[in-house]
Amino acid sequence: MAIQLAHYRFSSEAYHRLAETGILPPDARVELIDGEILEMSPIGRRHKVCVDRLTNFFAPALVGRAIVRIQSSIVLADGQEPEPDVALLRFRPDFYASMEETPADVLLVVEVADTSLEYDRRTKAPLYARFGIPELWIADLTRERLLVYREPTPQGYASTQVLAPGESISPLAFPALQMSV
């Protein structure tokens, strides 16, 4: 007979208390998905370079128009705090100091996948779609391509596009901002 292991689900408040009390070390690479604390893959050189390039592209172009959040959590709901590599949030002059962002504030999420492609596609993409995040890009470093997900539904994204190096893309929220893959 198989033994069913119980999973303990953490609220966002409990998750943050674990960090504040030092149970989760400050440098822990974890995120809260479906109430579970999941360890994230280590960041390698190619991953860092990709995130730096994205930051260099988005940050100057979107000053005062969006908040470019780098490798930091976004709050989707209680127990749902993924840490995308890049997130574009609706601009607020207080940078969300007085309140947490909501899924409606998230314009674009970018995940950089060096070793995490299956996790990003099978776990994070459905999560983002379920919460109505309008657009997800996954930079697949192994195959040198950009996976673009749009039209979120509760079952996942209805539209998927695969872009190769040299092709161009614009975020839905900023159609005049064109980037080469």
N, C-alpha and C. Protein backbone atom coordinates (compact mmCIF):
# COMPACT_ATOMS: atom_id res chain seq x y z
N MET A 1 0.85 -1.18 0.00
CA MET A 1 0.00 0.00 0.00
C MET A 1 0.89 1.24 0.00
N ALA A 2 0.60 2.18 -0.88
CA ALA A 2 1.39 3.40 -0.99
C ALA A 2 1.03 4.37 0.14
N ILE A 3 2.04 5.04 0.61
CA ILE A 3 1.85 6.04 1.66
C ILE A 3 1.70 7.40 1.01
N GLN A 4 0.64 8.11 1.37
CA GLN A 4 0.41 9.44 0.85
C GLN A 4 1.06 10.45 1.80
N LEU A 5 2.03 11.20 1.31
CA LEU A 5 2.69 12.21 2.14
C LEU A 5 1.88 13.48 2.17
N ALA A 6 1.75 14.06 3.34
CA ALA A 6 1.02 15.31 3.48
C ALA A 6 1.94 16.47 3.13
N HIS A 7 1.39 17.46 2.52
CA HIS A 7 2.12 18.69 2.22
C HIS A 7 1.59 19.79 3.12
N TYR A 8 2.49 20.53 3.71
CA TYR A 8 2.07 21.66 4.53
C TYR A 8 2.05 22.89 3.63
N ARG A 9 0.92 23.56 3.58
CA ARG A 9 0.77 24.76 2.75
C ARG A 9 1.03 25.99 3.60
N PHE A 10 1.87 26.89 3.07
CA PHE A 10 2.20 28.12 3.77
C PHE A 10 1.38 29.27 3.22
N SER A 11 0.92 30.12 4.11
CA SER A 11 0.31 31.38 3.68
C SER A 11 1.46 32.32 3.34
N SER A 12 1.15 33.40 2.65
CA SER A 12 2.18 34.39 2.35
C SER A 12 2.74 34.98 3.65
N GLU A 13 1.87 35.18 4.63
CA GLU A 13 2.33 35.74 5.90
C GLU A 13 3.32 34.80 6.60
N ALA A 14 3.01 33.52 6.63
CA ALA A 14 3.91 32.55 7.26
C ALA A 14 5.23 32.47 6.50
N TYR A 15 5.16 32.50 5.19
CA TYR A 15 6.35 32.48 4.34
C TYR A 15 7.27 33.65 4.66
N HIS A 16 6.69 34.84 4.80
CA HIS A 16 7.50 36.02 5.11
C HIS A 16 8.05 35.97 6.54
N ARG A 17 7.31 35.38 7.46
CA ARG A 17 7.81 35.23 8.83
C ARG A 17 9.01 34.29 8.86
N LEU A 18 8.98 33.24 8.05
CA LEU A 18 10.13 32.33 7.98
C LEU A 18 11.39 33.08 7.54
N ALA A 19 11.23 34.00 6.62
CA ALA A 19 12.37 34.80 6.16
C ALA A 19 12.80 35.81 7.23
N GLU A 20 11.83 36.47 7.85
CA GLU A 20 12.15 37.49 8.87
C GLU A 20 12.86 36.89 10.08
N THR A 21 12.51 35.67 10.44
CA THR A 21 13.12 35.04 11.63
C THR A 21 14.42 34.32 11.31
N GLY A 22 14.78 34.27 10.02
CA GLY A 22 16.04 33.64 9.64
C GLY A 22 15.94 32.15 9.34
N ILE A 23 14.75 31.59 9.45
CA ILE A 23 14.59 30.17 9.11
C ILE A 23 14.90 29.97 7.63
N LEU A 24 14.43 30.91 6.82
CA LEU A 24 14.84 30.95 5.41
C LEU A 24 15.97 31.97 5.33
N PRO A 25 17.16 31.57 4.96
CA PRO A 25 18.26 32.53 4.91
C PRO A 25 18.02 33.60 3.85
N PRO A 26 18.59 34.78 4.04
CA PRO A 26 18.37 35.89 3.10
C PRO A 26 18.77 35.56 1.66
N ASP A 27 19.73 34.69 1.49
CA ASP A 27 20.19 34.36 0.14
C ASP A 27 19.51 33.10 -0.43
N ALA A 28 18.48 32.61 0.25
CA ALA A 28 17.79 31.41 -0.22
C ALA A 28 17.09 31.72 -1.54
N ARG A 29 17.28 30.86 -2.53
CA ARG A 29 16.62 31.02 -3.83
C ARG A 29 15.36 30.16 -3.82
N VAL A 30 14.30 30.73 -3.25
CA VAL A 30 13.03 30.02 -3.13
C VAL A 30 11.89 30.91 -3.59
N GLU A 31 10.77 30.27 -3.89
CA GLU A 31 9.56 31.01 -4.22
C GLU A 31 8.38 30.23 -3.66
N LEU A 32 7.26 30.91 -3.50
CA LEU A 32 6.06 30.32 -2.92
C LEU A 32 5.05 30.06 -4.05
N ILE A 33 4.83 28.78 -4.35
CA ILE A 33 3.90 28.39 -5.41
C ILE A 33 2.87 27.44 -4.83
N ASP A 34 1.61 27.79 -4.96
CA ASP A 34 0.52 26.97 -4.43
C ASP A 34 0.74 26.64 -2.95
N GLY A 35 1.28 27.60 -2.20
CA GLY A 35 1.50 27.43 -0.77
C GLY A 35 2.71 26.60 -0.40
N GLU A 36 3.47 26.14 -1.38
CA GLU A 36 4.67 25.35 -1.11
C GLU A 36 5.91 26.19 -1.39
N ILE A 37 6.90 26.03 -0.54
CA ILE A 37 8.17 26.73 -0.74
C ILE A 37 9.03 25.85 -1.63
N LEU A 38 9.34 26.36 -2.81
CA LEU A 38 10.09 25.59 -3.79
C LEU A 38 11.45 26.23 -4.03
N GLU A 39 12.46 25.38 -4.07
CA GLU A 39 13.81 25.86 -4.34
C GLU A 39 13.95 26.14 -5.83
N MET A 40 14.57 27.27 -6.15
CA MET A 40 14.79 27.65 -7.54
C MET A 40 16.17 27.18 -7.99
N SER A 41 16.32 27.04 -9.30
CA SER A 41 17.61 26.63 -9.87
C SER A 41 18.67 27.70 -9.61
N PRO A 42 19.92 27.29 -9.48
CA PRO A 42 21.00 28.27 -9.35
C PRO A 42 21.10 29.10 -10.63
N ILE A 43 21.60 30.31 -10.49
CA ILE A 43 21.74 31.20 -11.64
C ILE A 43 23.14 31.07 -12.21
N GLY A 44 23.22 30.65 -13.46
CA GLY A 44 24.50 30.53 -14.15
C GLY A 44 24.82 31.79 -14.94
N ARG A 45 25.97 31.79 -15.57
CA ARG A 45 26.45 32.96 -16.32
C ARG A 45 25.48 33.35 -17.44
N ARG A 46 25.07 32.38 -18.28
CA ARG A 46 24.17 32.71 -19.39
C ARG A 46 22.86 33.30 -18.88
N HIS A 47 22.37 32.78 -17.78
CA HIS A 47 21.14 33.28 -17.17
C HIS A 47 21.32 34.73 -16.73
N LYS A 48 22.42 35.00 -16.02
CA LYS A 48 22.69 36.37 -15.56
C LYS A 48 22.79 37.34 -16.73
N VAL A 49 23.50 36.93 -17.77
CA VAL A 49 23.68 37.80 -18.94
C VAL A 49 22.34 38.12 -19.59
N CYS A 50 21.49 37.13 -19.72
CA CYS A 50 20.17 37.34 -20.32
C CYS A 50 19.34 38.32 -19.48
N VAL A 51 19.32 38.13 -18.17
CA VAL A 51 18.57 39.04 -17.29
C VAL A 51 19.15 40.45 -17.37
N ASP A 52 20.47 40.57 -17.40
CA ASP A 52 21.10 41.89 -17.52
C ASP A 52 20.72 42.56 -18.83
N ARG A 53 20.69 41.80 -19.92
CA ARG A 53 20.31 42.37 -21.23
C ARG A 53 18.85 42.83 -21.22
N LEU A 54 17.98 42.03 -20.63
CA LEU A 54 16.57 42.42 -20.53
C LEU A 54 16.41 43.68 -19.69
N THR A 55 17.13 43.74 -18.60
CA THR A 55 17.09 44.93 -17.74
C THR A 55 17.57 46.15 -18.50
N ASN A 56 18.67 45.99 -19.20
CA ASN A 56 19.24 47.09 -19.98
C ASN A 56 18.28 47.56 -21.08
N PHE A 57 17.49 46.65 -21.61
CA PHE A 57 16.52 47.01 -22.64
C PHE A 57 15.30 47.70 -22.04
N PHE A 58 14.68 47.07 -21.03
CA PHE A 58 13.42 47.58 -20.49
C PHE A 58 13.56 48.82 -19.62
N ALA A 59 14.52 48.84 -18.71
CA ALA A 59 14.58 49.90 -17.71
C ALA A 59 14.65 51.31 -18.31
N PRO A 60 15.57 51.61 -19.22
CA PRO A 60 15.62 52.98 -19.73
C PRO A 60 14.39 53.33 -20.58
N ALA A 61 13.85 52.36 -21.30
CA ALA A 61 12.72 52.63 -22.20
C ALA A 61 11.42 52.86 -21.45
N LEU A 62 11.31 52.35 -20.23
CA LEU A 62 10.03 52.39 -19.53
C LEU A 62 10.04 53.28 -18.29
N VAL A 63 11.03 54.12 -18.13
CA VAL A 63 11.09 55.03 -16.98
C VAL A 63 9.81 55.86 -16.92
N GLY A 64 9.13 55.81 -15.79
CA GLY A 64 7.91 56.57 -15.60
C GLY A 64 6.69 55.97 -16.28
N ARG A 65 6.87 54.86 -16.99
CA ARG A 65 5.75 54.22 -17.69
C ARG A 65 5.42 52.85 -17.10
N ALA A 66 6.42 52.19 -16.55
CA ALA A 66 6.24 50.88 -15.92
C ALA A 66 7.35 50.70 -14.90
N ILE A 67 7.14 49.79 -13.99
CA ILE A 67 8.17 49.42 -13.03
C ILE A 67 8.78 48.12 -13.53
N VAL A 68 10.09 48.10 -13.66
CA VAL A 68 10.80 46.91 -14.11
C VAL A 68 11.34 46.22 -12.86
N ARG A 69 10.74 45.11 -12.50
CA ARG A 69 11.13 44.38 -11.30
C ARG A 69 12.00 43.20 -11.71
N ILE A 70 13.17 43.10 -11.10
CA ILE A 70 14.15 42.08 -11.48
C ILE A 70 14.30 41.06 -10.35
N GLN A 71 14.12 39.80 -10.67
CA GLN A 71 14.32 38.68 -9.77
C GLN A 71 13.80 38.96 -8.36
N SER A 72 12.53 39.33 -8.33
CA SER A 72 11.85 39.61 -7.07
C SER A 72 10.42 39.10 -7.19
N SER A 73 9.82 38.81 -6.08
CA SER A 73 8.50 38.19 -6.12
C SER A 73 7.42 39.15 -6.61
N ILE A 74 6.38 38.54 -7.16
CA ILE A 74 5.14 39.26 -7.46
C ILE A 74 4.04 38.52 -6.70
N VAL A 75 3.11 39.27 -6.14
CA VAL A 75 2.05 38.69 -5.34
C VAL A 75 0.84 38.45 -6.24
N LEU A 76 0.48 37.19 -6.41
CA LEU A 76 -0.69 36.85 -7.20
C LEU A 76 -1.90 36.59 -6.31
N ALA A 77 -1.67 36.01 -5.14
CA ALA A 77 -2.71 35.71 -4.16
C ALA A 77 -2.01 35.19 -2.92
N ASP A 78 -2.77 34.94 -1.86
CA ASP A 78 -2.17 34.37 -0.67
C ASP A 78 -1.62 32.98 -1.03
N GLY A 79 -0.35 32.76 -0.71
CA GLY A 79 0.29 31.49 -1.02
C GLY A 79 0.82 31.40 -2.44
N GLN A 80 0.77 32.49 -3.18
CA GLN A 80 1.22 32.51 -4.58
C GLN A 80 2.16 33.69 -4.77
N GLU A 81 3.46 33.46 -4.60
CA GLU A 81 4.45 34.52 -4.78
C GLU A 81 5.63 34.00 -5.60
N PRO A 82 5.41 33.82 -6.90
CA PRO A 82 6.53 33.41 -7.74
C PRO A 82 7.56 34.53 -7.86
N GLU A 83 8.77 34.17 -8.22
CA GLU A 83 9.84 35.15 -8.42
C GLU A 83 10.34 35.08 -9.85
N PRO A 84 9.65 35.79 -10.75
CA PRO A 84 10.11 35.78 -12.14
C PRO A 84 11.43 36.52 -12.28
N ASP A 85 12.12 36.26 -13.36
CA ASP A 85 13.39 36.95 -13.61
C ASP A 85 13.16 38.42 -13.91
N VAL A 86 12.11 38.72 -14.67
CA VAL A 86 11.75 40.11 -14.98
C VAL A 86 10.23 40.20 -14.95
N ALA A 87 9.73 41.27 -14.36
CA ALA A 87 8.30 41.55 -14.40
C ALA A 87 8.11 43.04 -14.70
N LEU A 88 7.20 43.33 -15.59
CA LEU A 88 6.82 44.72 -15.84
C LEU A 88 5.50 44.96 -15.13
N LEU A 89 5.49 45.95 -14.24
CA LEU A 89 4.30 46.29 -13.47
C LEU A 89 3.78 47.66 -13.89
N ARG A 90 2.47 47.86 -13.75
CA ARG A 90 1.90 49.20 -13.99
C ARG A 90 2.66 50.19 -13.12
N PHE A 91 2.91 51.34 -13.68
CA PHE A 91 3.66 52.35 -12.93
C PHE A 91 2.81 52.91 -11.80
N ARG A 92 3.42 53.04 -10.65
CA ARG A 92 2.85 53.74 -9.48
C ARG A 92 3.97 54.62 -8.93
N PRO A 93 3.66 55.87 -8.66
CA PRO A 93 4.70 56.76 -8.14
C PRO A 93 5.35 56.28 -6.85
N ASP A 94 4.62 55.49 -6.04
CA ASP A 94 5.19 54.99 -4.78
C ASP A 94 5.88 53.63 -4.95
N PHE A 95 5.92 53.12 -6.19
CA PHE A 95 6.57 51.83 -6.49
C PHE A 95 6.01 50.70 -5.61
N TYR A 96 4.71 50.76 -5.31
CA TYR A 96 4.01 49.75 -4.53
C TYR A 96 4.48 49.70 -3.06
N ALA A 97 4.95 50.82 -2.56
CA ALA A 97 5.37 50.89 -1.15
C ALA A 97 4.17 50.81 -0.20
N SER A 98 3.03 51.33 -0.62
CA SER A 98 1.87 51.38 0.27
C SER A 98 0.93 50.19 0.11
N MET A 99 1.17 49.36 -0.90
CA MET A 99 0.31 48.19 -1.12
C MET A 99 1.04 47.20 -2.03
N GLU A 100 0.63 45.94 -1.94
CA GLU A 100 1.19 44.92 -2.83
C GLU A 100 0.57 45.07 -4.21
N GLU A 101 1.31 44.68 -5.21
CA GLU A 101 0.73 44.63 -6.55
C GLU A 101 -0.32 43.52 -6.59
N THR A 102 -1.21 43.61 -7.54
CA THR A 102 -2.20 42.57 -7.78
C THR A 102 -1.91 41.97 -9.16
N PRO A 103 -2.51 40.84 -9.49
CA PRO A 103 -2.29 40.31 -10.84
C PRO A 103 -2.62 41.32 -11.94
N ALA A 104 -3.61 42.19 -11.70
CA ALA A 104 -3.98 43.20 -12.71
C ALA A 104 -2.87 44.22 -12.94
N ASP A 105 -1.94 44.33 -12.00
CA ASP A 105 -0.83 45.27 -12.13
C ASP A 105 0.34 44.68 -12.93
N VAL A 106 0.33 43.38 -13.15
CA VAL A 106 1.44 42.71 -13.84
C VAL A 106 1.15 42.73 -15.34
N LEU A 107 2.02 43.40 -16.09
CA LEU A 107 1.84 43.55 -17.53
C LEU A 107 2.54 42.46 -18.33
N LEU A 108 3.70 42.05 -17.88
CA LEU A 108 4.51 41.05 -18.57
C LEU A 108 5.40 40.36 -17.55
N VAL A 109 5.56 39.06 -17.72
CA VAL A 109 6.51 38.29 -16.92
C VAL A 109 7.47 37.64 -17.88
N VAL A 110 8.77 37.67 -17.54
CA VAL A 110 9.78 36.98 -18.32
C VAL A 110 10.52 36.01 -17.41
N GLU A 111 10.54 34.76 -17.82
CA GLU A 111 11.32 33.74 -17.13
C GLU A 111 12.49 33.38 -18.04
N VAL A 112 13.68 33.28 -17.46
CA VAL A 112 14.87 32.87 -18.21
C VAL A 112 15.15 31.43 -17.83
N ALA A 113 15.14 30.56 -18.84
CA ALA A 113 15.27 29.12 -18.60
C ALA A 113 16.58 28.61 -19.18
N ASP A 114 17.50 28.33 -18.28
CA ASP A 114 18.75 27.67 -18.67
C ASP A 114 18.58 26.19 -18.37
N THR A 115 18.16 25.89 -17.13
CA THR A 115 17.92 24.50 -16.73
C THR A 115 16.48 24.29 -16.27
N SER A 116 15.65 25.33 -16.30
CA SER A 116 14.32 25.27 -15.69
C SER A 116 13.17 25.29 -16.69
N LEU A 117 13.42 24.97 -17.95
CA LEU A 117 12.38 25.11 -18.98
C LEU A 117 11.11 24.33 -18.64
N GLU A 118 11.24 23.08 -18.28
CA GLU A 118 10.05 22.28 -17.99
C GLU A 118 9.28 22.82 -16.79
N TYR A 119 9.98 23.23 -15.77
CA TYR A 119 9.33 23.84 -14.59
C TYR A 119 8.61 25.12 -15.00
N ASP A 120 9.26 25.97 -15.79
CA ASP A 120 8.64 27.22 -16.22
C ASP A 120 7.41 26.97 -17.08
N ARG A 121 7.48 25.97 -17.95
CA ARG A 121 6.36 25.67 -18.85
C ARG A 121 5.23 24.94 -18.13
N ARG A 122 5.55 23.99 -17.26
CA ARG A 122 4.51 23.14 -16.67
C ARG A 122 3.95 23.66 -15.34
N THR A 123 4.74 24.45 -14.62
CA THR A 123 4.28 24.95 -13.32
C THR A 123 3.98 26.44 -13.37
N LYS A 124 4.93 27.22 -13.82
CA LYS A 124 4.76 28.67 -13.75
C LYS A 124 3.83 29.22 -14.83
N ALA A 125 3.92 28.74 -16.05
CA ALA A 125 3.04 29.25 -17.11
C ALA A 125 1.56 29.04 -16.76
N PRO A 126 1.13 27.85 -16.33
CA PRO A 126 -0.28 27.70 -15.94
C PRO A 126 -0.68 28.59 -14.76
N LEU A 127 0.26 28.79 -13.83
CA LEU A 127 -0.01 29.67 -12.69
C LEU A 127 -0.26 31.10 -13.17
N TYR A 128 0.63 31.61 -14.00
CA TYR A 128 0.47 32.97 -14.51
C TYR A 128 -0.83 33.10 -15.31
N ALA A 129 -1.14 32.11 -16.14
CA ALA A 129 -2.38 32.16 -16.93
C ALA A 129 -3.60 32.15 -16.01
N ARG A 130 -3.58 31.30 -15.00
CA ARG A 130 -4.71 31.19 -14.05
C ARG A 130 -5.02 32.52 -13.40
N PHE A 131 -3.98 33.33 -13.16
CA PHE A 131 -4.19 34.63 -12.52
C PHE A 131 -4.31 35.77 -13.53
N GLY A 132 -4.42 35.44 -14.80
CA GLY A 132 -4.71 36.45 -15.82
C GLY A 132 -3.55 37.32 -16.23
N ILE A 133 -2.33 36.87 -16.00
CA ILE A 133 -1.16 37.65 -16.45
C ILE A 133 -1.21 37.65 -17.98
N PRO A 134 -1.31 38.83 -18.61
CA PRO A 134 -1.60 38.88 -20.04
C PRO A 134 -0.52 38.32 -20.95
N GLU A 135 0.71 38.30 -20.44
CA GLU A 135 1.80 37.89 -21.33
C GLU A 135 2.95 37.31 -20.53
N LEU A 136 3.47 36.18 -21.02
CA LEU A 136 4.63 35.51 -20.43
C LEU A 136 5.61 35.23 -21.55
N TRP A 137 6.87 35.59 -21.33
CA TRP A 137 7.94 35.21 -22.24
C TRP A 137 8.86 34.26 -21.48
N ILE A 138 9.25 33.18 -22.13
CA ILE A 138 10.26 32.29 -21.56
C ILE A 138 11.44 32.29 -22.53
N ALA A 139 12.57 32.79 -22.04
CA ALA A 139 13.80 32.78 -22.84
C ALA A 139 14.44 31.42 -22.65
N ASP A 140 14.33 30.58 -23.66
CA ASP A 140 14.88 29.22 -23.63
C ASP A 140 16.33 29.31 -24.10
N LEU A 141 17.26 29.38 -23.15
CA LEU A 141 18.67 29.57 -23.48
C LEU A 141 19.29 28.35 -24.14
N THR A 142 18.79 27.17 -23.82
CA THR A 142 19.35 25.94 -24.39
C THR A 142 19.08 25.84 -25.89
N ARG A 143 17.85 26.18 -26.28
CA ARG A 143 17.48 26.08 -27.70
C ARG A 143 17.56 27.43 -28.42
N GLU A 144 17.98 28.46 -27.69
CA GLU A 144 18.14 29.82 -28.25
C GLU A 144 16.86 30.26 -28.96
N ARG A 145 15.79 30.37 -28.17
CA ARG A 145 14.50 30.79 -28.71
C ARG A 145 13.72 31.49 -27.61
N LEU A 146 12.69 32.21 -28.02
CA LEU A 146 11.81 32.88 -27.07
C LEU A 146 10.42 32.31 -27.23
N LEU A 147 9.87 31.78 -26.15
CA LEU A 147 8.51 31.27 -26.13
C LEU A 147 7.61 32.39 -25.62
N VAL A 148 6.60 32.74 -26.39
CA VAL A 148 5.71 33.85 -26.06
C VAL A 148 4.31 33.29 -25.82
N TYR A 149 3.79 33.54 -24.62
CA TYR A 149 2.47 33.06 -24.23
C TYR A 149 1.56 34.27 -24.04
N ARG A 150 0.37 34.21 -24.68
CA ARG A 150 -0.60 35.29 -24.56
C ARG A 150 -2.01 34.70 -24.47
N GLU A 151 -2.96 35.55 -24.15
CA GLU A 151 -4.37 35.16 -24.03
C GLU A 151 -4.56 34.15 -22.89
N PRO A 152 -4.39 34.61 -21.65
CA PRO A 152 -4.55 33.69 -20.51
C PRO A 152 -5.99 33.22 -20.33
N THR A 153 -6.11 31.96 -19.96
CA THR A 153 -7.40 31.37 -19.59
C THR A 153 -7.16 30.59 -18.30
N PRO A 154 -8.19 30.17 -17.61
CA PRO A 154 -7.99 29.36 -16.41
C PRO A 154 -7.28 28.03 -16.70
N GLN A 155 -7.32 27.57 -17.95
CA GLN A 155 -6.67 26.31 -18.30
C GLN A 155 -5.25 26.49 -18.84
N GLY A 156 -4.81 27.71 -19.03
CA GLY A 156 -3.48 27.98 -19.58
C GLY A 156 -3.56 29.08 -20.62
N TYR A 157 -2.48 29.31 -21.32
CA TYR A 157 -2.47 30.35 -22.35
C TYR A 157 -3.02 29.79 -23.65
N ALA A 158 -3.89 30.56 -24.31
CA ALA A 158 -4.52 30.12 -25.55
C ALA A 158 -3.60 30.33 -26.75
N SER A 159 -2.65 31.25 -26.65
CA SER A 159 -1.76 31.55 -27.77
C SER A 159 -0.31 31.34 -27.36
N THR A 160 0.41 30.59 -28.18
CA THR A 160 1.84 30.35 -27.96
C THR A 160 2.56 30.61 -29.27
N GLN A 161 3.66 31.32 -29.17
CA GLN A 161 4.47 31.63 -30.34
C GLN A 161 5.93 31.31 -30.00
N VAL A 162 6.68 30.80 -30.96
CA VAL A 162 8.09 30.51 -30.78
C VAL A 162 8.87 31.42 -31.72
N LEU A 163 9.76 32.23 -31.15
CA LEU A 163 10.56 33.16 -31.94
C LEU A 163 12.03 32.74 -31.93
N ALA A 164 12.66 32.88 -33.07
CA ALA A 164 14.07 32.52 -33.23
C ALA A 164 14.94 33.77 -33.17
N PRO A 165 16.25 33.61 -32.97
CA PRO A 165 17.14 34.77 -32.96
C PRO A 165 16.97 35.61 -34.22
N GLY A 166 16.95 36.92 -34.02
CA GLY A 166 16.79 37.86 -35.13
C GLY A 166 15.35 38.30 -35.35
N GLU A 167 14.38 37.51 -34.86
CA GLU A 167 12.99 37.93 -34.98
C GLU A 167 12.71 38.99 -33.92
N SER A 168 11.64 39.75 -34.12
CA SER A 168 11.31 40.86 -33.22
C SER A 168 10.02 40.60 -32.48
N ILE A 169 9.92 41.24 -31.32
CA ILE A 169 8.72 41.14 -30.48
C ILE A 169 8.52 42.46 -29.75
N SER A 170 7.27 42.76 -29.47
CA SER A 170 6.91 43.92 -28.64
C SER A 170 5.98 43.44 -27.54
N PRO A 171 6.17 43.93 -26.32
CA PRO A 171 5.21 43.58 -25.27
C PRO A 171 3.83 44.12 -25.62
N LEU A 172 2.79 43.38 -25.30
CA LEU A 172 1.43 43.84 -25.57
C LEU A 172 1.17 45.22 -24.97
N ALA A 173 1.67 45.46 -23.78
CA ALA A 173 1.43 46.73 -23.09
C ALA A 173 2.19 47.90 -23.70
N PHE A 174 3.23 47.60 -24.46
CA PHE A 174 4.08 48.65 -25.06
C PHE A 174 4.41 48.28 -26.50
N PRO A 175 3.41 48.34 -27.40
CA PRO A 175 3.63 47.87 -28.76
C PRO A 175 4.70 48.63 -29.55
N ALA A 176 5.00 49.86 -29.17
CA ALA A 176 6.03 50.63 -29.87
C ALA A 176 7.45 50.21 -29.45
N LEU A 177 7.55 49.45 -28.39
CA LEU A 177 8.84 49.01 -27.87
C LEU A 177 9.18 47.67 -28.50
N GLN A 178 10.06 47.72 -29.48
CA GLN A 178 10.39 46.50 -30.23
C GLN A 178 11.76 46.00 -29.85
N MET A 179 11.82 44.67 -29.60
CA MET A 179 13.06 44.04 -29.18
C MET A 179 13.39 42.89 -30.13
N SER A 180 14.64 42.74 -30.45
CA SER A 180 15.10 41.62 -31.26
C SER A 180 15.43 40.46 -30.35
N VAL A 181 15.00 39.27 -30.75
CA VAL A 181 15.26 38.07 -29.95
C VAL A 181 16.75 37.74 -30.04
